[in-house]
Amino acid sequence: MEKKNYYCEYCGHKFPDVRLLTSATCSRHPDGPNKGRHKLYEGTEKSSYTCKYCGKKFPSILVMTGATCPNHPKGSNKGSHSPVL
């Protein structure tokens, strides 16, 4: 059986299971650093990820969420890129 990885949609960190992911606070939570828990990215693991706001491609969710998006709904560069499922 192949081991599956689980990723946080907000910060891109990888977890070995969903329980660990959802039990920890996230440094890139939309409400502020550590003001909420990680959110499970429900898409599949890919070789590259596309931002749902601007269409830019990234090699990982971790790299993607580390940069601000010029087309973010809260305003230009007022939030991180977010992966398309």
C-alpha atoms as a PDB file:
ATOM      1  CA  MET A   1       0.000   0.000   0.000  1.00  0.00           C
ATOM      2  CA  GLU A   2       1.340   3.404  -1.023  1.00  0.00           C
ATOM      3  CA  LYS A   3       1.782   5.930   1.770  1.00  0.00           C
ATOM      4  CA  LYS A   4      -0.348   9.025   1.257  1.00  0.00           C
ATOM      5  CA  ASN A   5       0.684  12.531   2.243  1.00  0.00           C
ATOM      6  CA  TYR A   6      -1.723  15.175   3.517  1.00  0.00           C
ATOM      7  CA  TYR A   7      -1.103  18.889   3.033  1.00  0.00           C
ATOM      8  CA  CYS A   8      -2.381  22.059   4.653  1.00  0.00           C
ATOM      9  CA  GLU A   9      -4.102  24.334   2.116  1.00  0.00           C
ATOM     10  CA  TYR A  10      -2.968  27.436   4.034  1.00  0.00           C
ATOM     11  CA  CYS A  11       0.744  26.730   4.576  1.00  0.00           C
ATOM     12  CA  GLY A  12       1.595  23.685   2.457  1.00  0.00           C
ATOM     13  CA  HIS A  13       3.162  21.652   5.247  1.00  0.00           C
ATOM     14  CA  LYS A  14       2.996  17.890   4.803  1.00  0.00           C
ATOM     15  CA  PHE A  15       1.548  15.531   7.433  1.00  0.00           C
ATOM     16  CA  PRO A  16       1.463  11.718   7.621  1.00  0.00           C
ATOM     17  CA  ASP A  17      -2.231  11.665   8.580  1.00  0.00           C
ATOM     18  CA  VAL A  18      -5.279  13.927   8.720  1.00  0.00           C
ATOM     19  CA  ARG A  19      -5.563  13.753  12.514  1.00  0.00           C
ATOM     20  CA  LEU A  20      -2.154  15.349  12.996  1.00  0.00           C
ATOM     21  CA  LEU A  21      -2.888  17.988  10.359  1.00  0.00           C
ATOM     22  CA  THR A  22      -6.211  19.095  11.826  1.00  0.00           C
ATOM     23  CA  SER A  23      -5.026  19.059  15.447  1.00  0.00           C
ATOM     24  CA  ALA A  24      -2.261  21.668  15.032  1.00  0.00           C
ATOM     25  CA  THR A  25      -2.490  25.437  14.591  1.00  0.00           C
ATOM     26  CA  CYS A  26      -1.322  26.982  11.319  1.00  0.00           C
ATOM     27  CA  SER A  27       1.181  29.829  11.043  1.00  0.00           C
ATOM     28  CA  ARG A  28      -0.492  31.012   7.820  1.00  0.00           C
ATOM     29  CA  HIS A  29      -4.128  30.780   8.897  1.00  0.00           C
ATOM     30  CA  PRO A  30      -6.307  33.490   7.246  1.00  0.00           C
ATOM     31  CA  ASP A  31      -7.400  34.827  10.665  1.00  0.00           C
ATOM     32  CA  GLY A  32      -3.754  35.346  11.651  1.00  0.00           C
ATOM     33  CA  PRO A  33      -0.744  33.275  12.692  1.00  0.00           C
ATOM     34  CA  ASN A  34      -1.821  30.339  14.886  1.00  0.00           C
ATOM     35  CA  LYS A  35      -5.386  31.691  15.229  1.00  0.00           C
ATOM     36  CA  GLY A  36      -6.838  28.593  13.621  1.00  0.00           C
ATOM     37  CA  ARG A  37      -6.006  25.048  12.642  1.00  0.00           C
ATOM     38  CA  HIS A  38      -4.491  23.699   9.451  1.00  0.00           C
ATOM     39  CA  LYS A  39      -6.985  23.090   6.632  1.00  0.00           C
ATOM     40  CA  LEU A  40      -6.777  19.863   4.659  1.00  0.00           C
ATOM     41  CA  TYR A  41      -5.950  20.366   0.978  1.00  0.00           C
ATOM     42  CA  GLU A  42      -8.443  18.035  -0.683  1.00  0.00           C
ATOM     43  CA  GLY A  43      -6.870  17.908  -4.127  1.00  0.00           C
ATOM     44  CA  THR A  44      -4.461  15.279  -5.364  1.00  0.00           C
ATOM     45  CA  GLU A  45      -0.678  15.355  -5.050  1.00  0.00           C
ATOM     46  CA  LYS A  46       0.735  16.893  -8.259  1.00  0.00           C
ATOM     47  CA  SER A  47       4.055  17.792  -9.864  1.00  0.00           C
ATOM     48  CA  SER A  48       2.969  21.458  -9.906  1.00  0.00           C
ATOM     49  CA  TYR A  49       0.156  23.504  -8.367  1.00  0.00           C
ATOM     50  CA  THR A  50      -1.796  26.412  -9.856  1.00  0.00           C
ATOM     51  CA  CYS A  51      -3.071  29.409  -7.875  1.00  0.00           C
ATOM     52  CA  LYS A  52      -6.850  29.677  -8.114  1.00  0.00           C
ATOM     53  CA  TYR A  53      -6.694  33.492  -8.015  1.00  0.00           C
ATOM     54  CA  CYS A  54      -4.002  34.330 -10.596  1.00  0.00           C
ATOM     55  CA  GLY A  55      -3.142  31.114 -12.476  1.00  0.00           C
ATOM     56  CA  LYS A  56       0.580  31.137 -11.628  1.00  0.00           C
ATOM     57  CA  LYS A  57       2.174  27.671 -11.314  1.00  0.00           C
ATOM     58  CA  PHE A  58       4.335  26.537  -8.373  1.00  0.00           C
ATOM     59  CA  PRO A  59       6.395  23.391  -7.685  1.00  0.00           C
ATOM     60  CA  SER A  60       4.703  22.799  -4.288  1.00  0.00           C
ATOM     61  CA  ILE A  61       1.927  24.100  -2.044  1.00  0.00           C
ATOM     62  CA  LEU A  62       4.614  25.128   0.461  1.00  0.00           C
ATOM     63  CA  VAL A  63       6.264  27.435  -2.099  1.00  0.00           C
ATOM     64  CA  MET A  64       2.883  28.674  -3.352  1.00  0.00           C
ATOM     65  CA  THR A  65       1.504  29.715   0.022  1.00  0.00           C
ATOM     66  CA  GLY A  66       4.761  31.456   0.950  1.00  0.00           C
ATOM     67  CA  ALA A  67       4.107  34.218  -1.585  1.00  0.00           C
ATOM     68  CA  THR A  68       1.390  36.854  -1.757  1.00  0.00           C
ATOM     69  CA  CYS A  69      -1.000  36.925  -4.696  1.00  0.00           C
ATOM     70  CA  PRO A  70      -1.634  40.086  -6.752  1.00  0.00           C
ATOM     71  CA  ASN A  71      -5.203  38.917  -7.445  1.00  0.00           C
ATOM     72  CA  HIS A  72      -6.131  37.887  -3.878  1.00  0.00           C
ATOM     73  CA  PRO A  73      -9.826  38.574  -3.001  1.00  0.00           C
ATOM     74  CA  LYS A  74      -8.786  40.666   0.058  1.00  0.00           C
ATOM     75  CA  GLY A  75      -6.774  42.939  -2.246  1.00  0.00           C
ATOM     76  CA  SER A  76      -3.539  42.922  -4.184  1.00  0.00           C
ATOM     77  CA  ASN A  77      -0.862  41.093  -2.159  1.00  0.00           C
ATOM     78  CA  LYS A  78      -3.085  41.037   0.972  1.00  0.00           C
ATOM     79  CA  GLY A  79      -3.199  37.249   1.065  1.00  0.00           C
ATOM     80  CA  SER A  80      -1.336  34.178  -0.129  1.00  0.00           C
ATOM     81  CA  HIS A  81      -1.744  32.230  -3.327  1.00  0.00           C
ATOM     82  CA  SER A  82      -4.218  29.368  -2.921  1.00  0.00           C
ATOM     83  CA  PRO A  83      -4.144  26.016  -4.762  1.00  0.00           C
ATOM     84  CA  VAL A  84      -6.750  24.874  -7.263  1.00  0.00           C
ATOM     85  CA  LEU A  85      -8.167  21.477  -6.309  1.00  0.00           C
END
